[in-house]
Amino acid sequence: IDHVIRTALREQKPAYLDIACNVANAECTRPGPITALL
């Protein structure tokens, strides 16, 4: 997720993610402060 968002903002181009329907509600680490997006 971070790679896709960082790259879209850096390149000013669209990006893509697909997320398996049984993974969307799977437990995950909480994001920290946003970094490296400039």
All heavy atoms as atom14 arrays in JSON, in Angstrom:
{
  "sequence": "IDHVIRTALREQKPAYLDIACNVANAECTRPGPITALL",
  "atom14_mask": [
    [1, 1, 1, 1, 1, 1, 1, 1, 0, 0, 0, 0, 0, 0],
    [1, 1, 1, 1, 1, 1, 1, 1, 0, 0, 0, 0, 0, 0],
    [1, 1, 1, 1, 1, 1, 1, 1, 1, 1, 0, 0, 0, 0],
    [1, 1, 1, 1, 1, 1, 1, 0, 0, 0, 0, 0, 0, 0],
    [1, 1, 1, 1, 1, 1, 1, 1, 0, 0, 0, 0, 0, 0],
    [1, 1, 1, 1, 1, 1, 1, 1, 1, 1, 1, 0, 0, 0],
    [1, 1, 1, 1, 1, 1, 1, 0, 0, 0, 0, 0, 0, 0],
    [1, 1, 1, 1, 1, 0, 0, 0, 0, 0, 0, 0, 0, 0],
    [1, 1, 1, 1, 1, 1, 1, 1, 0, 0, 0, 0, 0, 0],
    [1, 1, 1, 1, 1, 1, 1, 1, 1, 1, 1, 0, 0, 0],
    [1, 1, 1, 1, 1, 1, 1, 1, 1, 0, 0, 0, 0, 0],
    [1, 1, 1, 1, 1, 1, 1, 1, 1, 0, 0, 0, 0, 0],
    [1, 1, 1, 1, 1, 1, 1, 1, 1, 0, 0, 0, 0, 0],
    [1, 1, 1, 1, 1, 1, 1, 0, 0, 0, 0, 0, 0, 0],
    [1, 1, 1, 1, 1, 0, 0, 0, 0, 0, 0, 0, 0, 0],
    [1, 1, 1, 1, 1, 1, 1, 1, 1, 1, 1, 1, 0, 0],
    [1, 1, 1, 1, 1, 1, 1, 1, 0, 0, 0, 0, 0, 0],
    [1, 1, 1, 1, 1, 1, 1, 1, 0, 0, 0, 0, 0, 0],
    [1, 1, 1, 1, 1, 1, 1, 1, 0, 0, 0, 0, 0, 0],
    [1, 1, 1, 1, 1, 0, 0, 0, 0, 0, 0, 0, 0, 0],
    [1, 1, 1, 1, 1, 1, 0, 0, 0, 0, 0, 0, 0, 0],
    [1, 1, 1, 1, 1, 1, 1, 1, 0, 0, 0, 0, 0, 0],
    [1, 1, 1, 1, 1, 1, 1, 0, 0, 0, 0, 0, 0, 0],
    [1, 1, 1, 1, 1, 0, 0, 0, 0, 0, 0, 0, 0, 0],
    [1, 1, 1, 1, 1, 1, 1, 1, 0, 0, 0, 0, 0, 0],
    [1, 1, 1, 1, 1, 0, 0, 0, 0, 0, 0, 0, 0, 0],
    [1, 1, 1, 1, 1, 1, 1, 1, 1, 0, 0, 0, 0, 0],
    [1, 1, 1, 1, 1, 1, 0, 0, 0, 0, 0, 0, 0, 0],
    [1, 1, 1, 1, 1, 1, 1, 0, 0, 0, 0, 0, 0, 0],
    [1, 1, 1, 1, 1, 1, 1, 1, 1, 1, 1, 0, 0, 0],
    [1, 1, 1, 1, 1, 1, 1, 0, 0, 0, 0, 0, 0, 0],
    [1, 1, 1, 1, 0, 0, 0, 0, 0, 0, 0, 0, 0, 0],
    [1, 1, 1, 1, 1, 1, 1, 0, 0, 0, 0, 0, 0, 0],
    [1, 1, 1, 1, 1, 1, 1, 1, 0, 0, 0, 0, 0, 0],
    [1, 1, 1, 1, 1, 1, 1, 0, 0, 0, 0, 0, 0, 0],
    [1, 1, 1, 1, 1, 0, 0, 0, 0, 0, 0, 0, 0, 0],
    [1, 1, 1, 1, 1, 1, 1, 1, 0, 0, 0, 0, 0, 0],
    [1, 1, 1, 1, 1, 1, 1, 1, 0, 0, 0, 0, 0, 0]
  ],
  "atom14_positions": [
    [[0.84, -1.21, 0.0], [0.0, 0.0, 0.0], [0.88, 1.25, 0.0], [0.65, 2.19, -0.78], [-0.96, -0.01, 1.21], [-2.04, -1.09, 1.02], [-1.61, 1.36, 1.4], [-2.88, -1.34, 2.26], [0.0, 0.0, 0.0], [0.0, 0.0, 0.0], [0.0, 0.0, 0.0], [0.0, 0.0, 0.0], [0.0, 0.0, 0.0], [0.0, 0.0, 0.0]],
    [[1.87, 1.27, 0.86], [2.75, 2.45, 0.94], [3.52, 2.66, -0.37], [3.7, 3.8, -0.82], [3.72, 2.3, 2.1], [3.05, 2.54, 3.45], [1.83, 2.8, 3.47], [3.74, 2.45, 4.48], [0.0, 0.0, 0.0], [0.0, 0.0, 0.0], [0.0, 0.0, 0.0], [0.0, 0.0, 0.0], [0.0, 0.0, 0.0], [0.0, 0.0, 0.0]],
    [[3.97, 1.58, -0.97], [4.71, 1.7, -2.23], [3.83, 2.32, -3.32], [4.27, 3.22, -4.05], [5.18, 0.31, -2.68], [5.65, 0.27, -4.11], [6.76, 0.96, -4.54], [5.15, -0.37, -5.2], [6.92, 0.75, -5.84], [5.96, -0.04, -6.27], [0.0, 0.0, 0.0], [0.0, 0.0, 0.0], [0.0, 0.0, 0.0], [0.0, 0.0, 0.0]],
    [[2.61, 1.87, -3.42], [1.69, 2.38, -4.45], [1.4, 3.86, -4.22], [1.44, 4.68, -5.16], [0.4, 1.54, -4.47], [-0.73, 2.29, -5.16], [0.64, 0.21, -5.17], [0.0, 0.0, 0.0], [0.0, 0.0, 0.0], [0.0, 0.0, 0.0], [0.0, 0.0, 0.0], [0.0, 0.0, 0.0], [0.0, 0.0, 0.0], [0.0, 0.0, 0.0]],
    [[1.11, 4.24, -2.99], [0.77, 5.63, -2.7], [1.97, 6.54, -2.9], [1.87, 7.61, -3.52], [0.21, 5.76, -1.27], [-1.17, 5.08, -1.18], [0.09, 7.23, -0.86], [-1.75, 5.04, 0.23], [0.0, 0.0, 0.0], [0.0, 0.0, 0.0], [0.0, 0.0, 0.0], [0.0, 0.0, 0.0], [0.0, 0.0, 0.0], [0.0, 0.0, 0.0]],
    [[3.13, 6.12, -2.39], [4.34, 6.93, -2.55], [4.65, 7.17, -4.03], [4.95, 8.29, -4.44], [5.54, 6.23, -1.92], [5.62, 6.28, -0.42], [6.99, 5.81, 0.03], [7.06, 5.72, 1.48], [6.98, 4.58, 2.18], [6.83, 3.45, 1.53], [7.05, 4.58, 3.49], [0.0, 0.0, 0.0], [0.0, 0.0, 0.0], [0.0, 0.0, 0.0]],
    [[4.56, 6.11, -4.81], [4.94, 6.21, -6.21], [3.96, 7.1, -6.98], [4.37, 7.91, -7.82], [5.02, 4.82, -6.85], [5.85, 3.98, -6.06], [5.59, 4.89, -8.26], [0.0, 0.0, 0.0], [0.0, 0.0, 0.0], [0.0, 0.0, 0.0], [0.0, 0.0, 0.0], [0.0, 0.0, 0.0], [0.0, 0.0, 0.0], [0.0, 0.0, 0.0]],
    [[2.67, 6.96, -6.7], [1.67, 7.79, -7.37], [1.9, 9.27, -7.11], [1.85, 10.1, -8.03], [0.26, 7.39, -6.93], [0.0, 0.0, 0.0], [0.0, 0.0, 0.0], [0.0, 0.0, 0.0], [0.0, 0.0, 0.0], [0.0, 0.0, 0.0], [0.0, 0.0, 0.0], [0.0, 0.0, 0.0], [0.0, 0.0, 0.0], [0.0, 0.0, 0.0]],
    [[2.19, 9.62, -5.86], [2.4, 11.03, -5.51], [3.73, 11.54, -6.05], [3.82, 12.69, -6.5], [2.33, 11.21, -4.0], [0.96, 10.95, -3.36], [1.02, 11.22, -1.87], [-0.13, 11.78, -4.0], [0.0, 0.0, 0.0], [0.0, 0.0, 0.0], [0.0, 0.0, 0.0], [0.0, 0.0, 0.0], [0.0, 0.0, 0.0], [0.0, 0.0, 0.0]],
    [[4.74, 10.7, -6.03], [6.05, 11.14, -6.54], [6.01, 11.33, -8.05], [6.52, 12.32, -8.58], [7.11, 10.12, -6.17], [8.52, 10.55, -6.6], [9.57, 9.5, -6.24], [9.41, 8.28, -7.0], [9.07, 7.11, -6.47], [8.84, 7.0, -5.17], [8.96, 6.03, -7.22], [0.0, 0.0, 0.0], [0.0, 0.0, 0.0], [0.0, 0.0, 0.0]],
    [[5.4, 10.39, -8.76], [5.39, 10.43, -10.22], [4.24, 11.25, -10.78], [4.22, 11.56, -11.98], [5.32, 9.0, -10.78], [6.46, 8.09, -10.35], [7.8, 8.59, -10.85], [7.85, 9.15, -11.95], [8.8, 8.42, -10.11], [0.0, 0.0, 0.0], [0.0, 0.0, 0.0], [0.0, 0.0, 0.0], [0.0, 0.0, 0.0], [0.0, 0.0, 0.0]],
    [[3.26, 11.59, -9.94], [2.06, 12.28, -10.42], [1.4, 11.48, -11.55], [1.01, 12.02, -12.59], [2.4, 13.7, -10.87], [2.79, 14.63, -9.73], [1.63, 14.95, -8.8], [0.71, 15.68, -9.16], [1.64, 14.4, -7.59], [0.0, 0.0, 0.0], [0.0, 0.0, 0.0], [0.0, 0.0, 0.0], [0.0, 0.0, 0.0], [0.0, 0.0, 0.0]],
    [[1.25, 10.2, -11.3], [0.63, 9.26, -12.21], [-0.29, 8.34, -11.42], [-0.16, 8.2, -10.2], [1.68, 8.41, -12.92], [2.63, 9.18, -13.84], [1.95, 9.61, -15.14], [2.95, 10.19, -16.12], [2.29, 10.67, -17.37], [0.0, 0.0, 0.0], [0.0, 0.0, 0.0], [0.0, 0.0, 0.0], [0.0, 0.0, 0.0], [0.0, 0.0, 0.0]],
    [[-1.24, 7.68, -12.08], [-2.13, 6.76, -11.36], [-1.4, 5.49, -10.93], [-0.34, 5.14, -11.47], [-3.21, 6.44, -12.39], [-2.55, 6.64, -13.71], [-1.59, 7.78, -13.51], [0.0, 0.0, 0.0], [0.0, 0.0, 0.0], [0.0, 0.0, 0.0], [0.0, 0.0, 0.0], [0.0, 0.0, 0.0], [0.0, 0.0, 0.0], [0.0, 0.0, 0.0]],
    [[-1.97, 4.82, -9.94], [-1.43, 3.56, -9.43], [-2.59, 2.61, -9.15], [-3.76, 3.0, -9.16], [-0.61, 3.81, -8.18], [0.0, 0.0, 0.0], [0.0, 0.0, 0.0], [0.0, 0.0, 0.0], [0.0, 0.0, 0.0], [0.0, 0.0, 0.0], [0.0, 0.0, 0.0], [0.0, 0.0, 0.0], [0.0, 0.0, 0.0], [0.0, 0.0, 0.0]],
    [[-2.25, 1.35, -8.9], [-3.27, 0.3, -8.82], [-2.99, -0.64, -7.67], [-1.84, -0.99, -7.38], [-3.27, -0.48, -10.14], [-4.01, -1.8, -10.1], [-5.37, -1.87, -10.41], [-3.34, -2.97, -9.77], [-6.04, -3.09, -10.38], [-4.01, -4.2, -9.74], [-5.35, -4.25, -10.04], [-6.02, -5.46, -10.02], [0.0, 0.0, 0.0], [0.0, 0.0, 0.0]],
    [[-4.06, -1.05, -6.99], [-4.02, -2.09, -5.97], [-5.19, -3.05, -6.2], [-6.3, -2.59, -6.49], [-4.2, -1.5, -4.57], [-3.04, -0.86, -3.83], [-3.56, -0.18, -2.57], [-2.0, -1.93, -3.44], [0.0, 0.0, 0.0], [0.0, 0.0, 0.0], [0.0, 0.0, 0.0], [0.0, 0.0, 0.0], [0.0, 0.0, 0.0], [0.0, 0.0, 0.0]],
    [[-4.96, -4.34, -6.07], [-6.12, -5.23, -5.84], [-5.91, -5.95, -4.53], [-4.79, -6.29, -4.15], [-6.37, -6.17, -7.02], [-5.29, -7.22, -7.25], [-5.02, -8.01, -6.33], [-4.73, -7.25, -8.36], [0.0, 0.0, 0.0], [0.0, 0.0, 0.0], [0.0, 0.0, 0.0], [0.0, 0.0, 0.0], [0.0, 0.0, 0.0], [0.0, 0.0, 0.0]],
    [[-6.99, -6.09, -3.79], [-6.95, -6.65, -2.44], [-7.94, -7.81, -2.39], [-9.15, -7.62, -2.64], [-7.31, -5.6, -1.38], [-6.34, -4.41, -1.46], [-7.3, -6.21, 0.02], [-6.68, -3.27, -0.52], [0.0, 0.0, 0.0], [0.0, 0.0, 0.0], [0.0, 0.0, 0.0], [0.0, 0.0, 0.0], [0.0, 0.0, 0.0], [0.0, 0.0, 0.0]],
    [[-7.45, -9.0, -2.11], [-8.31, -10.18, -2.05], [-9.45, -9.96, -1.07], [-9.27, -9.36, 0.01], [-7.49, -11.41, -1.65], [0.0, 0.0, 0.0], [0.0, 0.0, 0.0], [0.0, 0.0, 0.0], [0.0, 0.0, 0.0], [0.0, 0.0, 0.0], [0.0, 0.0, 0.0], [0.0, 0.0, 0.0], [0.0, 0.0, 0.0], [0.0, 0.0, 0.0]],
    [[-10.63, -10.44, -1.43], [-11.82, -10.14, -0.62], [-11.74, -10.71, 0.79], [-12.38, -10.18, 1.7], [-13.08, -10.63, -1.34], [-13.09, -12.38, -1.72], [0.0, 0.0, 0.0], [0.0, 0.0, 0.0], [0.0, 0.0, 0.0], [0.0, 0.0, 0.0], [0.0, 0.0, 0.0], [0.0, 0.0, 0.0], [0.0, 0.0, 0.0], [0.0, 0.0, 0.0]],
    [[-10.97, -11.77, 0.97], [-10.83, -12.35, 2.31], [-9.63, -11.79, 3.07], [-9.33, -12.23, 4.18], [-10.74, -13.87, 2.23], [-9.52, -14.34, 1.45], [-9.09, -13.68, 0.49], [-8.96, -15.48, 1.83], [0.0, 0.0, 0.0], [0.0, 0.0, 0.0], [0.0, 0.0, 0.0], [0.0, 0.0, 0.0], [0.0, 0.0, 0.0], [0.0, 0.0, 0.0]],
    [[-8.94, -10.82, 2.47], [-7.79, -10.19, 3.13], [-8.13, -8.77, 3.58], [-7.52, -8.24, 4.5], [-6.57, -10.17, 2.18], [-5.41, -9.38, 2.76], [-6.12, -11.61, 1.89], [0.0, 0.0, 0.0], [0.0, 0.0, 0.0], [0.0, 0.0, 0.0], [0.0, 0.0, 0.0], [0.0, 0.0, 0.0], [0.0, 0.0, 0.0], [0.0, 0.0, 0.0]],
    [[-9.16, -8.17, 2.98], [-9.51, -6.78, 3.29], [-9.79, -6.57, 4.77], [-9.5, -5.51, 5.33], [-10.72, -6.35, 2.48], [0.0, 0.0, 0.0], [0.0, 0.0, 0.0], [0.0, 0.0, 0.0], [0.0, 0.0, 0.0], [0.0, 0.0, 0.0], [0.0, 0.0, 0.0], [0.0, 0.0, 0.0], [0.0, 0.0, 0.0], [0.0, 0.0, 0.0]],
    [[-10.35, -7.59, 5.46], [-10.63, -7.45, 6.89], [-9.69, -8.29, 7.75], [-9.96, -8.52, 8.93], [-12.09, -7.8, 7.2], [-12.43, -9.24, 6.85], [-11.63, -9.94, 6.2], [-13.61, -9.69, 7.25], [0.0, 0.0, 0.0], [0.0, 0.0, 0.0], [0.0, 0.0, 0.0], [0.0, 0.0, 0.0], [0.0, 0.0, 0.0], [0.0, 0.0, 0.0]],
    [[-8.57, -8.72, 7.16], [-7.58, -9.47, 7.93], [-6.75, -8.53, 8.78], [-6.52, -7.36, 8.42], [-6.67, -10.25, 6.98], [0.0, 0.0, 0.0], [0.0, 0.0, 0.0], [0.0, 0.0, 0.0], [0.0, 0.0, 0.0], [0.0, 0.0, 0.0], [0.0, 0.0, 0.0], [0.0, 0.0, 0.0], [0.0, 0.0, 0.0], [0.0, 0.0, 0.0]],
    [[-6.3, -9.03, 9.93], [-5.57, -8.19, 10.88], [-4.24, -7.73, 10.28], [-3.54, -8.48, 9.6], [-5.33, -8.95, 12.17], [-4.79, -8.08, 13.29], [-4.82, -8.78, 14.64], [-5.41, -9.88, 14.73], [-4.25, -8.22, 15.59], [0.0, 0.0, 0.0], [0.0, 0.0, 0.0], [0.0, 0.0, 0.0], [0.0, 0.0, 0.0], [0.0, 0.0, 0.0]],
    [[-3.91, -6.48, 10.61], [-2.75, -5.83, 9.99], [-2.16, -4.85, 10.99], [-2.86, -4.38, 11.9], [-3.23, -5.13, 8.72], [-2.07, -4.06, 7.93], [0.0, 0.0, 0.0], [0.0, 0.0, 0.0], [0.0, 0.0, 0.0], [0.0, 0.0, 0.0], [0.0, 0.0, 0.0], [0.0, 0.0, 0.0], [0.0, 0.0, 0.0], [0.0, 0.0, 0.0]],
    [[-0.88, -4.52, 10.83], [-0.28, -3.5, 11.7], [-0.88, -2.14, 11.38], [-1.22, -1.84, 10.23], [1.23, -3.44, 11.49], [1.5, -3.14, 10.12], [1.89, -4.75, 11.87], [0.0, 0.0, 0.0], [0.0, 0.0, 0.0], [0.0, 0.0, 0.0], [0.0, 0.0, 0.0], [0.0, 0.0, 0.0], [0.0, 0.0, 0.0], [0.0, 0.0, 0.0]],
    [[-0.98, -1.3, 12.39], [-1.51, 0.05, 12.19], [-0.42, 0.94, 11.59], [0.73, 0.87, 12.0], [-1.99, 0.63, 13.51], [-2.64, 2.0, 13.34], [-3.4, 2.44, 14.56], [-4.17, 3.64, 14.28], [-5.07, 4.16, 15.11], [-5.34, 3.57, 16.25], [-5.73, 5.26, 14.78], [0.0, 0.0, 0.0], [0.0, 0.0, 0.0], [0.0, 0.0, 0.0]],
    [[-0.79, 1.8, 10.63], [0.24, 2.66, 10.02], [0.75, 3.72, 10.97], [0.0, 4.27, 11.78], [-0.49, 3.3, 8.83], [-1.94, 3.27, 9.21], [-2.11, 2.02, 10.02], [0.0, 0.0, 0.0], [0.0, 0.0, 0.0], [0.0, 0.0, 0.0], [0.0, 0.0, 0.0], [0.0, 0.0, 0.0], [0.0, 0.0, 0.0], [0.0, 0.0, 0.0]],
    [[2.04, 3.99, 10.88], [2.61, 5.1, 11.63], [2.49, 6.38, 10.83], [1.75, 6.46, 9.85], [0.0, 0.0, 0.0], [0.0, 0.0, 0.0], [0.0, 0.0, 0.0], [0.0, 0.0, 0.0], [0.0, 0.0, 0.0], [0.0, 0.0, 0.0], [0.0, 0.0, 0.0], [0.0, 0.0, 0.0], [0.0, 0.0, 0.0], [0.0, 0.0, 0.0]],
    [[3.23, 7.42, 11.22], [3.21, 8.68, 10.47], [3.63, 8.44, 9.03], [4.48, 7.59, 8.74], [4.22, 9.56, 11.22], [4.32, 8.94, 12.57], [4.11, 7.47, 12.4], [0.0, 0.0, 0.0], [0.0, 0.0, 0.0], [0.0, 0.0, 0.0], [0.0, 0.0, 0.0], [0.0, 0.0, 0.0], [0.0, 0.0, 0.0], [0.0, 0.0, 0.0]],
    [[3.05, 9.19, 8.15], [3.37, 9.02, 6.74], [4.77, 9.55, 6.47], [5.17, 10.59, 7.0], [2.31, 9.71, 5.87], [2.29, 9.11, 4.48], [2.47, 11.21, 5.85], [0.97, 9.28, 3.78], [0.0, 0.0, 0.0], [0.0, 0.0, 0.0], [0.0, 0.0, 0.0], [0.0, 0.0, 0.0], [0.0, 0.0, 0.0], [0.0, 0.0, 0.0]],
    [[5.55, 8.82, 5.7], [6.94, 9.2, 5.44], [7.27, 9.02, 3.97], [6.61, 8.28, 3.25], [7.91, 8.33, 6.26], [7.71, 6.96, 5.91], [7.71, 8.52, 7.75], [0.0, 0.0, 0.0], [0.0, 0.0, 0.0], [0.0, 0.0, 0.0], [0.0, 0.0, 0.0], [0.0, 0.0, 0.0], [0.0, 0.0, 0.0], [0.0, 0.0, 0.0]],
    [[8.3, 9.69, 3.54], [8.87, 9.53, 2.19], [7.85, 9.74, 1.08], [7.88, 9.07, 0.07], [9.51, 8.15, 2.06], [0.0, 0.0, 0.0], [0.0, 0.0, 0.0], [0.0, 0.0, 0.0], [0.0, 0.0, 0.0], [0.0, 0.0, 0.0], [0.0, 0.0, 0.0], [0.0, 0.0, 0.0], [0.0, 0.0, 0.0], [0.0, 0.0, 0.0]],
    [[6.95, 10.69, 1.28], [5.95, 10.95, 0.25], [6.22, 12.25, -0.51], [5.46, 12.61, -1.4], [4.55, 11.02, 0.88], [3.97, 9.67, 1.3], [2.63, 9.88, 1.98], [3.82, 8.73, 0.13], [0.0, 0.0, 0.0], [0.0, 0.0, 0.0], [0.0, 0.0, 0.0], [0.0, 0.0, 0.0], [0.0, 0.0, 0.0], [0.0, 0.0, 0.0]],
    [[7.27, 12.93, -0.16], [7.55, 14.19, -0.83], [8.2, 13.95, -2.19], [8.84, 12.93, -2.42], [8.46, 15.06, 0.05], [7.89, 15.44, 1.42], [8.91, 16.26, 2.2], [6.6, 16.23, 1.27], [0.0, 0.0, 0.0], [0.0, 0.0, 0.0], [0.0, 0.0, 0.0], [0.0, 0.0, 0.0], [0.0, 0.0, 0.0], [0.0, 0.0, 0.0]]
  ]
}
